């Protein structure tokens, strides 16, 4: 069995889902993107700024940008 990943415009998603329901040979596995809420984004930004200030004051060690990017 093959797997295909599609990106579909939100406005057409319902139509597409209704369409593929009619194909017996298609199995749909829905996955939700794990997106942060606005509040979580703000909290993460505040935490990052706080950590940056601690590094600037020498109270917290920094790490090379290459290490950070490798971690991603």
PDB file of N, CA and C in Angstrom:
ATOM      1  N   UNK A   1       0.850  -1.178   0.000  1.00  0.00           N
ATOM      2  CA  UNK A   1       0.000   0.000   0.000  1.00  0.00           C
ATOM      3  C   UNK A   1       0.891   1.235   0.000  1.00  0.00           C
ATOM      4  N   UNK A   2       0.543   2.226  -0.774  1.00  0.00           N
ATOM      5  CA  UNK A   2       1.296   3.475  -0.866  1.00  0.00           C
ATOM      6  C   UNK A   2       0.675   4.534   0.032  1.00  0.00           C
ATOM      7  N   UNK A   3       1.494   5.481   0.423  1.00  0.00           N
ATOM      8  CA  UNK A   3       1.037   6.594   1.240  1.00  0.00           C
ATOM      9  C   UNK A   3       1.322   7.886   0.491  1.00  0.00           C
ATOM     10  N   UNK A   4       0.343   8.772   0.463  1.00  0.00           N
ATOM     11  CA  UNK A   4       0.496  10.074  -0.188  1.00  0.00           C
ATOM     12  C   UNK A   4       0.132  11.154   0.823  1.00  0.00           C
ATOM     13  N   UNK A   5       0.963  12.170   0.903  1.00  0.00           N
ATOM     14  CA  UNK A   5       0.685  13.309   1.772  1.00  0.00           C
ATOM     15  C   UNK A   5       0.226  14.464   0.898  1.00  0.00           C
ATOM     16  N   UNK A   6      -0.911  15.035   1.232  1.00  0.00           N
ATOM     17  CA  UNK A   6      -1.484  16.131   0.447  1.00  0.00           C
ATOM     18  C   UNK A   6      -1.636  17.371   1.302  1.00  0.00           C
ATOM     19  N   UNK A   7      -1.475  18.504   0.683  1.00  0.00           N
ATOM     20  CA  UNK A   7      -1.792  19.774   1.334  1.00  0.00           C
ATOM     21  C   UNK A   7      -2.989  20.351   0.599  1.00  0.00           C
ATOM     22  N   UNK A   8      -4.066  20.585   1.341  1.00  0.00           N
ATOM     23  CA  UNK A   8      -5.311  21.032   0.740  1.00  0.00           C
ATOM     24  C   UNK A   8      -5.748  22.334   1.407  1.00  0.00           C
ATOM     25  N   UNK A   9      -6.163  23.265   0.592  1.00  0.00           N
ATOM     26  CA  UNK A   9      -6.654  24.549   1.094  1.00  0.00           C
ATOM     27  C   UNK A   9      -7.797  24.298   2.076  1.00  0.00           C
ATOM     28  N   UNK A  10      -7.767  24.995   3.198  1.00  0.00           N
ATOM     29  CA  UNK A  10      -8.788  24.806   4.229  1.00  0.00           C
ATOM     30  C   UNK A  10     -10.209  24.956   3.679  1.00  0.00           C
ATOM     31  N   UNK A  11     -10.383  25.852   2.729  1.00  0.00           N
ATOM     32  CA  UNK A  11     -11.711  26.092   2.170  1.00  0.00           C
ATOM     33  C   UNK A  11     -12.235  24.898   1.386  1.00  0.00           C
ATOM     34  N   UNK A  12     -11.343  24.058   0.874  1.00  0.00           N
ATOM     35  CA  UNK A  12     -11.729  22.905   0.053  1.00  0.00           C
ATOM     36  C   UNK A  12     -11.629  21.587   0.800  1.00  0.00           C
ATOM     37  N   UNK A  13     -11.196  21.616   2.058  1.00  0.00           N
ATOM     38  CA  UNK A  13     -10.959  20.388   2.806  1.00  0.00           C
ATOM     39  C   UNK A  13     -12.230  19.552   2.985  1.00  0.00           C
ATOM     40  N   UNK A  14     -13.320  20.167   3.373  1.00  0.00           N
ATOM     41  CA  UNK A  14     -14.562  19.419   3.575  1.00  0.00           C
ATOM     42  C   UNK A  14     -14.995  18.738   2.276  1.00  0.00           C
ATOM     43  N   UNK A  15     -14.925  19.466   1.172  1.00  0.00           N
ATOM     44  CA  UNK A  15     -15.285  18.895  -0.120  1.00  0.00           C
ATOM     45  C   UNK A  15     -14.414  17.682  -0.436  1.00  0.00           C
ATOM     46  N   UNK A  16     -13.115  17.827  -0.215  1.00  0.00           N
ATOM     47  CA  UNK A  16     -12.193  16.741  -0.533  1.00  0.00           C
ATOM     48  C   UNK A  16     -12.462  15.519   0.344  1.00  0.00           C
ATOM     49  N   UNK A  17     -12.691  15.731   1.624  1.00  0.00           N
ATOM     50  CA  UNK A  17     -12.992  14.617   2.529  1.00  0.00           C
ATOM     51  C   UNK A  17     -14.264  13.894   2.092  1.00  0.00           C
ATOM     52  N   UNK A  18     -15.282  14.654   1.733  1.00  0.00           N
ATOM     53  CA  UNK A  18     -16.531  14.042   1.260  1.00  0.00           C
ATOM     54  C   UNK A  18     -16.293  13.248  -0.024  1.00  0.00           C
ATOM     55  N   UNK A  19     -15.458  13.754  -0.889  1.00  0.00           N
ATOM     56  CA  UNK A  19     -15.166  13.086  -2.152  1.00  0.00           C
ATOM     57  C   UNK A  19     -14.462  11.747  -1.941  1.00  0.00           C
ATOM     58  N   UNK A  20     -13.432  11.722  -1.125  1.00  0.00           N
ATOM     59  CA  UNK A  20     -12.651  10.482  -0.990  1.00  0.00           C
ATOM     60  C   UNK A  20     -13.369   9.422  -0.150  1.00  0.00           C
ATOM     61  N   UNK A  21     -14.402   9.805   0.579  1.00  0.00           N
ATOM     62  CA  UNK A  21     -15.194   8.810   1.313  1.00  0.00           C
ATOM     63  C   UNK A  21     -15.831   7.806   0.358  1.00  0.00           C
ATOM     64  N   UNK A  22     -16.032   8.210  -0.888  1.00  0.00           N
ATOM     65  CA  UNK A  22     -16.712   7.367  -1.868  1.00  0.00           C
ATOM     66  C   UNK A  22     -15.779   6.339  -2.510  1.00  0.00           C
ATOM     67  N   UNK A  23     -14.509   6.394  -2.201  1.00  0.00           N
ATOM     68  CA  UNK A  23     -13.562   5.436  -2.764  1.00  0.00           C
ATOM     69  C   UNK A  23     -13.262   4.362  -1.725  1.00  0.00           C
ATOM     70  N   UNK A  24     -13.685   3.140  -1.997  1.00  0.00           N
ATOM     71  CA  UNK A  24     -13.503   2.051  -1.027  1.00  0.00           C
ATOM     72  C   UNK A  24     -12.035   1.675  -0.846  1.00  0.00           C
ATOM     73  N   UNK A  25     -11.202   1.988  -1.820  1.00  0.00           N
ATOM     74  CA  UNK A  25      -9.795   1.612  -1.761  1.00  0.00           C
ATOM     75  C   UNK A  25      -8.916   2.654  -1.063  1.00  0.00           C
ATOM     76  N   UNK A  26      -9.529   3.726  -0.587  1.00  0.00           N
ATOM     77  CA  UNK A  26      -8.783   4.783   0.096  1.00  0.00           C
ATOM     78  C   UNK A  26      -9.060   4.714   1.588  1.00  0.00           C
ATOM     79  N   UNK A  27      -7.999   4.699   2.367  1.00  0.00           N
ATOM     80  CA  UNK A  27      -8.108   4.729   3.817  1.00  0.00           C
ATOM     81  C   UNK A  27      -7.527   6.060   4.285  1.00  0.00           C
ATOM     82  N   UNK A  28      -8.277   6.777   5.089  1.00  0.00           N
ATOM     83  CA  UNK A  28      -7.855   8.104   5.546  1.00  0.00           C
ATOM     84  C   UNK A  28      -7.388   8.022   6.988  1.00  0.00           C
ATOM     85  N   UNK A  29      -6.208   8.549   7.225  1.00  0.00           N
ATOM     86  CA  UNK A  29      -5.676   8.649   8.589  1.00  0.00           C
ATOM     87  C   UNK A  29      -5.427  10.127   8.838  1.00  0.00           C
ATOM     88  N   UNK A  30      -6.293  10.733   9.611  1.00  0.00           N
ATOM     89  CA  UNK A  30      -6.169  12.165   9.869  1.00  0.00           C
ATOM     90  C   UNK A  30      -5.165  12.420  10.969  1.00  0.00           C
ATOM     91  N   UNK A  31      -4.352  13.418  10.766  1.00  0.00           N
ATOM     92  CA  UNK A  31      -3.408  13.855  11.785  1.00  0.00           C
ATOM     93  C   UNK A  31      -3.596  15.340  11.992  1.00  0.00           C
ATOM     94  N   UNK A  32      -3.629  15.730  13.220  1.00  0.00           N
ATOM     95  CA  UNK A  32      -3.764  17.141  13.566  1.00  0.00           C
ATOM     96  C   UNK A  32      -2.374  17.723  13.793  1.00  0.00           C
ATOM     97  N   UNK A  33      -2.169  18.902  13.280  1.00  0.00           N
ATOM     98  CA  UNK A  33      -0.924  19.595  13.550  1.00  0.00           C
ATOM     99  C   UNK A  33      -0.944  20.069  14.989  1.00  0.00           C
ATOM    100  N   UNK A  34       0.169  19.908  15.626  1.00  0.00           N
ATOM    101  CA  UNK A  34       0.269  20.287  17.021  1.00  0.00           C
ATOM    102  C   UNK A  34       0.720  21.744  17.096  1.00  0.00           C
ATOM    103  N   UNK A  35      -0.228  22.657  16.991  1.00  0.00           N
ATOM    104  CA  UNK A  35       0.087  24.076  16.985  1.00  0.00           C
ATOM    105  C   UNK A  35      -0.127  24.666  18.374  1.00  0.00           C
ATOM    106  N   UNK A  36       0.740  25.600  18.724  1.00  0.00           N
ATOM    107  CA  UNK A  36       0.612  26.292  20.002  1.00  0.00           C
ATOM    108  C   UNK A  36      -0.518  27.319  19.927  1.00  0.00           C
ATOM    109  N   UNK A  37      -1.155  27.522  21.063  1.00  0.00           N
ATOM    110  CA  UNK A  37      -2.163  28.575  21.151  1.00  0.00           C
ATOM    111  C   UNK A  37      -1.450  29.919  21.239  1.00  0.00           C
ATOM    112  N   UNK A  38      -2.202  31.000  21.073  1.00  0.00           N
ATOM    113  CA  UNK A  38      -1.605  32.330  21.172  1.00  0.00           C
ATOM    114  C   UNK A  38      -0.959  32.533  22.541  1.00  0.00           C
ATOM    115  N   UNK A  39      -1.628  32.067  23.575  1.00  0.00           N
ATOM    116  CA  UNK A  39      -1.088  32.200  24.929  1.00  0.00           C
ATOM    117  C   UNK A  39       0.217  31.445  25.107  1.00  0.00           C
ATOM    118  N   UNK A  40       0.297  30.256  24.512  1.00  0.00           N
ATOM    119  CA  UNK A  40       1.530  29.461  24.613  1.00  0.00           C
ATOM    120  C   UNK A  40       2.676  30.133  23.862  1.00  0.00           C
ATOM    121  N   UNK A  41       2.369  30.727  22.727  1.00  0.00           N
ATOM    122  CA  UNK A  41       3.401  31.438  21.961  1.00  0.00           C
ATOM    123  C   UNK A  41       3.939  32.606  22.778  1.00  0.00           C
ATOM    124  N   UNK A  42       3.038  33.376  23.374  1.00  0.00           N
ATOM    125  CA  UNK A  42       3.459  34.524  24.191  1.00  0.00           C
ATOM    126  C   UNK A  42       4.295  34.056  25.376  1.00  0.00           C
ATOM    127  N   UNK A  43       3.873  32.981  26.028  1.00  0.00           N
ATOM    128  CA  UNK A  43       4.626  32.436  27.163  1.00  0.00           C
ATOM    129  C   UNK A  43       6.021  32.006  26.721  1.00  0.00           C
ATOM    130  N   UNK A  44       6.115  31.334  25.577  1.00  0.00           N
ATOM    131  CA  UNK A  44       7.416  30.879  25.076  1.00  0.00           C
ATOM    132  C   UNK A  44       8.330  32.046  24.734  1.00  0.00           C
ATOM    133  N   UNK A  45       7.767  33.117  24.163  1.00  0.00           N
ATOM    134  CA  UNK A  45       8.567  34.298  23.837  1.00  0.00           C
ATOM    135  C   UNK A  45       9.080  34.945  25.117  1.00  0.00           C
ATOM    136  N   UNK A  46       8.208  35.074  26.108  1.00  0.00           N
ATOM    137  CA  UNK A  46       8.634  35.677  27.388  1.00  0.00           C
ATOM    138  C   UNK A  46       9.741  34.856  28.040  1.00  0.00           C
ATOM    139  N   UNK A  47       9.583  33.525  28.000  1.00  0.00           N
ATOM    140  CA  UNK A  47      10.598  32.651  28.581  1.00  0.00           C
ATOM    141  C   UNK A  47      11.927  32.826  27.844  1.00  0.00           C
ATOM    142  N   UNK A  48      11.864  32.939  26.513  1.00  0.00           N
ATOM    143  CA  UNK A  48      13.079  33.121  25.720  1.00  0.00           C
ATOM    144  C   UNK A  48      13.776  34.433  26.026  1.00  0.00           C
ATOM    145  N   UNK A  49      13.000  35.506  26.168  1.00  0.00           N
ATOM    146  CA  UNK A  49      13.579  36.810  26.497  1.00  0.00           C
ATOM    147  C   UNK A  49      14.212  36.768  27.884  1.00  0.00           C
ATOM    148  N   UNK A  50      13.545  36.100  28.829  1.00  0.00           N
ATOM    149  CA  UNK A  50      14.083  35.981  30.187  1.00  0.00           C
ATOM    150  C   UNK A  50      15.409  35.214  30.170  1.00  0.00           C
ATOM    151  N   UNK A  51      15.452  34.113  29.405  1.00  0.00           N
ATOM    152  CA  UNK A  51      16.697  33.328  29.308  1.00  0.00           C
ATOM    153  C   UNK A  51      17.803  34.159  28.657  1.00  0.00           C
ATOM    154  N   UNK A  52      17.453  34.932  27.620  1.00  0.00           N
ATOM    155  CA  UNK A  52      18.440  35.766  26.935  1.00  0.00           C
ATOM    156  C   UNK A  52      19.040  36.791  27.907  1.00  0.00           C
ATOM    157  N   UNK A  53      18.197  37.387  28.738  1.00  0.00           N
ATOM    158  CA  UNK A  53      18.688  38.375  29.712  1.00  0.00           C
ATOM    159  C   UNK A  53      19.605  37.716  30.738  1.00  0.00           C
ATOM    160  N   UNK A  54      19.275  36.485  31.133  1.00  0.00           N
ATOM    161  CA  UNK A  54      20.120  35.757  32.079  1.00  0.00           C
ATOM    162  C   UNK A  54      21.492  35.453  31.458  1.00  0.00           C
ATOM    163  N   UNK A  55      21.505  35.113  30.176  1.00  0.00           N
ATOM    164  CA  UNK A  55      22.770  34.850  29.477  1.00  0.00           C
ATOM    165  C   UNK A  55      23.584  36.133  29.390  1.00  0.00           C
ATOM    166  N   UNK A  56      22.930  37.246  29.042  1.00  0.00           N
ATOM    167  CA  UNK A  56      23.628  38.528  28.933  1.00  0.00           C
ATOM    168  C   UNK A  56      24.244  38.949  30.267  1.00  0.00           C
ATOM    169  N   UNK A  57      23.574  38.625  31.375  1.00  0.00           N
ATOM    170  CA  UNK A  57      24.085  38.968  32.708  1.00  0.00           C
ATOM    171  C   UNK A  57      25.135  37.975  33.193  1.00  0.00           C
ATOM    172  N   UNK A  58      25.330  36.891  32.438  1.00  0.00           N
ATOM    173  CA  UNK A  58      26.316  35.881  32.822  1.00  0.00           C
ATOM    174  C   UNK A  58      25.789  34.903  33.852  1.00  0.00           C
ATOM    175  N   UNK A  59      24.501  34.894  34.101  1.00  0.00           N
ATOM    176  CA  UNK A  59      23.916  34.009  35.101  1.00  0.00           C
ATOM    177  C   UNK A  59      23.520  32.660  34.518  1.00  0.00           C
ATOM    178  N   UNK A  60      23.545  32.572  33.202  1.00  0.00           N
ATOM    179  CA  UNK A  60      23.185  31.318  32.540  1.00  0.00           C
ATOM    180  C   UNK A  60      24.141  31.140  31.364  1.00  0.00           C
ATOM    181  N   UNK A  61      24.646  29.921  31.160  1.00  0.00           N
ATOM    182  CA  UNK A  61      25.587  29.721  30.044  1.00  0.00           C
ATOM    183  C   UNK A  61      24.859  29.745  28.694  1.00  0.00           C
ATOM    184  N   UNK A  62      25.564  30.227  27.690  1.00  0.00           N
ATOM    185  CA  UNK A  62      24.998  30.217  26.343  1.00  0.00           C
ATOM    186  C   UNK A  62      25.547  28.998  25.598  1.00  0.00           C
ATOM    187  N   UNK A  63      25.040  28.779  24.402  1.00  0.00           N
ATOM    188  CA  UNK A  63      25.567  27.684  23.589  1.00  0.00           C
ATOM    189  C   UNK A  63      25.678  28.165  22.150  1.00  0.00           C
ATOM    190  N   UNK A  64      26.563  27.568  21.391  1.00  0.00           N
ATOM    191  CA  UNK A  64      26.748  28.010  20.002  1.00  0.00           C
ATOM    192  C   UNK A  64      25.481  27.805  19.170  1.00  0.00           C
ATOM    193  N   UNK A  65      25.254  28.714  18.235  1.00  0.00           N
ATOM    194  CA  UNK A  65      24.073  28.638  17.373  1.00  0.00           C
ATOM    195  C   UNK A  65      24.058  27.325  16.585  1.00  0.00           C
ATOM    196  N   UNK A  66      25.236  26.830  16.187  1.00  0.00           N
ATOM    197  CA  UNK A  66      25.303  25.575  15.430  1.00  0.00           C
ATOM    198  C   UNK A  66      24.721  24.420  16.250  1.00  0.00           C
ATOM    199  N   UNK A  67      25.007  24.383  17.548  1.00  0.00           N
ATOM    200  CA  UNK A  67      24.450  23.337  18.417  1.00  0.00           C
ATOM    201  C   UNK A  67      22.924  23.441  18.470  1.00  0.00           C
ATOM    202  N   UNK A  68      22.440  24.661  18.562  1.00  0.00           N
ATOM    203  CA  UNK A  68      20.991  24.884  18.605  1.00  0.00           C
ATOM    204  C   UNK A  68      20.343  24.403  17.320  1.00  0.00           C
ATOM    205  N   UNK A  69      20.914  24.766  16.174  1.00  0.00           N
ATOM    206  CA  UNK A  69      20.350  24.382  14.890  1.00  0.00           C
ATOM    207  C   UNK A  69      20.420  22.874  14.668  1.00  0.00           C
ATOM    208  N   UNK A  70      21.481  22.243  15.140  1.00  0.00           N
ATOM    209  CA  UNK A  70      21.616  20.788  15.025  1.00  0.00           C
ATOM    210  C   UNK A  70      20.506  20.096  15.822  1.00  0.00           C
ATOM    211  N   UNK A  71      20.149  20.679  16.948  1.00  0.00           N
ATOM    212  CA  UNK A  71      19.121  20.122  17.801  1.00  0.00           C
ATOM    213  C   UNK A  71      17.739  20.154  17.138  1.00  0.00           C
ATOM    214  N   UNK A  72      17.532  21.140  16.256  1.00  0.00           N
ATOM    215  CA  UNK A  72      16.247  21.241  15.572  1.00  0.00           C
ATOM    216  C   UNK A  72      16.101  20.095  14.609  1.00  0.00           C
TER     217      UNK A  72
END
